[in-house]
């Protein structure tokens, strides 16, 4: 065999495309991380009324009440599930 057939010609590595792809991946990751937009603060939930007492009520009597829930923290307050009320004492 001749020397020309033994040596295979190497294809040039597209370094510029690899570099641009890496920069694009880093930029996309930074965008996803910073996209929450809540400022990085801590949300603090505050309920205006912690006890609701209607006294003695007959069973199966519908009762309504209103409470005020506010965010006193410096971060965004988000509920991941539907809020619910739990009877802690006396039912």
Protein backbone atom coordinates (compact mmCIF):
# COMPACT_ATOMS: atom_id res chain seq x y z
CA UNK A 1 0.00 0.00 0.00
CA UNK A 2 1.11 3.47 -0.65
CA UNK A 3 1.64 6.10 2.03
CA UNK A 4 -1.20 8.23 0.74
CA UNK A 5 -3.75 5.52 1.33
CA UNK A 6 -2.50 4.79 4.86
CA UNK A 7 -2.93 8.34 6.05
CA UNK A 8 -6.55 9.25 6.23
CA UNK A 9 -7.45 12.82 5.95
CA UNK A 10 -8.98 14.17 9.19
CA UNK A 11 -12.00 16.38 9.08
CA UNK A 12 -11.50 19.76 10.77
CA UNK A 13 -13.28 20.12 14.12
CA UNK A 14 -15.81 22.96 14.03
CA UNK A 15 -14.55 24.66 17.23
CA UNK A 16 -16.52 27.80 16.59
CA UNK A 17 -19.82 25.89 16.45
CA UNK A 18 -18.98 23.95 19.62
CA UNK A 19 -18.09 27.18 21.44
CA UNK A 20 -21.28 28.94 20.31
CA UNK A 21 -23.39 25.93 21.35
CA UNK A 22 -21.83 25.95 24.84
CA UNK A 23 -22.47 29.67 25.25
CA UNK A 24 -26.06 29.18 24.13
CA UNK A 25 -26.60 26.38 26.68
CA UNK A 26 -25.17 28.49 29.50
CA UNK A 27 -27.36 31.46 28.55
CA UNK A 28 -30.48 29.26 28.41
CA UNK A 29 -29.73 27.78 31.86
CA UNK A 30 -29.21 31.26 33.36
CA UNK A 31 -32.51 32.44 31.84
CA UNK A 32 -34.44 29.49 33.29
CA UNK A 33 -32.94 29.95 36.76
CA UNK A 34 -33.68 33.70 36.90
CA UNK A 35 -37.13 33.55 35.36
CA UNK A 36 -39.02 33.03 38.64
CA UNK A 37 -39.05 36.81 39.17
CA UNK A 38 -39.94 36.71 42.86
CA UNK A 39 -36.86 38.69 43.87
CA UNK A 40 -35.51 35.91 46.02
CA UNK A 41 -37.32 37.11 49.13
CA UNK A 42 -39.22 35.07 51.67
CA UNK A 43 -43.03 35.05 51.64
CA UNK A 44 -44.71 35.26 55.05
CA UNK A 45 -48.40 34.43 55.29
CA UNK A 46 -50.40 36.34 57.90
CA UNK A 47 -53.99 35.49 58.86
CA UNK A 48 -55.99 38.30 60.43
CA UNK A 49 -58.19 36.08 62.59
CA UNK A 50 -56.80 32.87 64.10
CA UNK A 51 -59.95 31.80 66.01
CA UNK A 52 -63.52 31.76 64.69
CA UNK A 53 -66.11 30.98 67.38
CA UNK A 54 -69.79 30.62 66.48
CA UNK A 55 -70.72 29.10 69.85
CA UNK A 56 -73.09 26.14 69.86
CA UNK A 57 -74.40 25.38 66.39
CA UNK A 58 -76.67 22.52 65.33
CA UNK A 59 -75.07 19.82 63.24
CA UNK A 60 -75.35 20.22 59.46
CA UNK A 61 -76.08 23.95 59.73
CA UNK A 62 -74.14 25.80 57.04
CA UNK A 63 -71.99 28.60 58.42
CA UNK A 64 -69.92 31.14 56.54
CA UNK A 65 -67.08 33.36 57.59
CA UNK A 66 -64.46 35.56 56.02
CA UNK A 67 -60.80 35.79 56.88
CA UNK A 68 -58.13 38.04 55.48
CA UNK A 69 -54.88 36.41 54.37
CA UNK A 70 -52.00 38.72 53.46
CA UNK A 71 -48.38 38.35 52.49
CA UNK A 72 -46.21 40.40 54.85
CA UNK A 73 -42.93 39.07 53.46
CA UNK A 74 -40.82 40.38 50.61
CA UNK A 75 -41.20 37.36 48.30
CA UNK A 76 -44.08 36.22 46.12
CA UNK A 77 -46.64 34.04 47.94
CA UNK A 78 -47.94 31.23 45.75
CA UNK A 79 -50.30 28.40 46.62
CA UNK A 80 -49.38 25.11 44.97
CA UNK A 81 -52.68 23.47 45.98
CA UNK A 82 -56.18 24.65 46.83
CA UNK A 83 -56.16 26.23 50.31
CA UNK A 84 -58.35 24.41 52.83
CA UNK A 85 -59.64 24.98 56.36
CA UNK A 86 -58.95 22.47 59.09
CA UNK A 87 -60.98 22.22 62.31
CA UNK A 88 -58.40 22.12 65.06
CA UNK A 89 -60.58 22.00 68.21
CA UNK A 90 -64.17 21.06 68.89
CA UNK A 91 -66.31 19.88 66.06
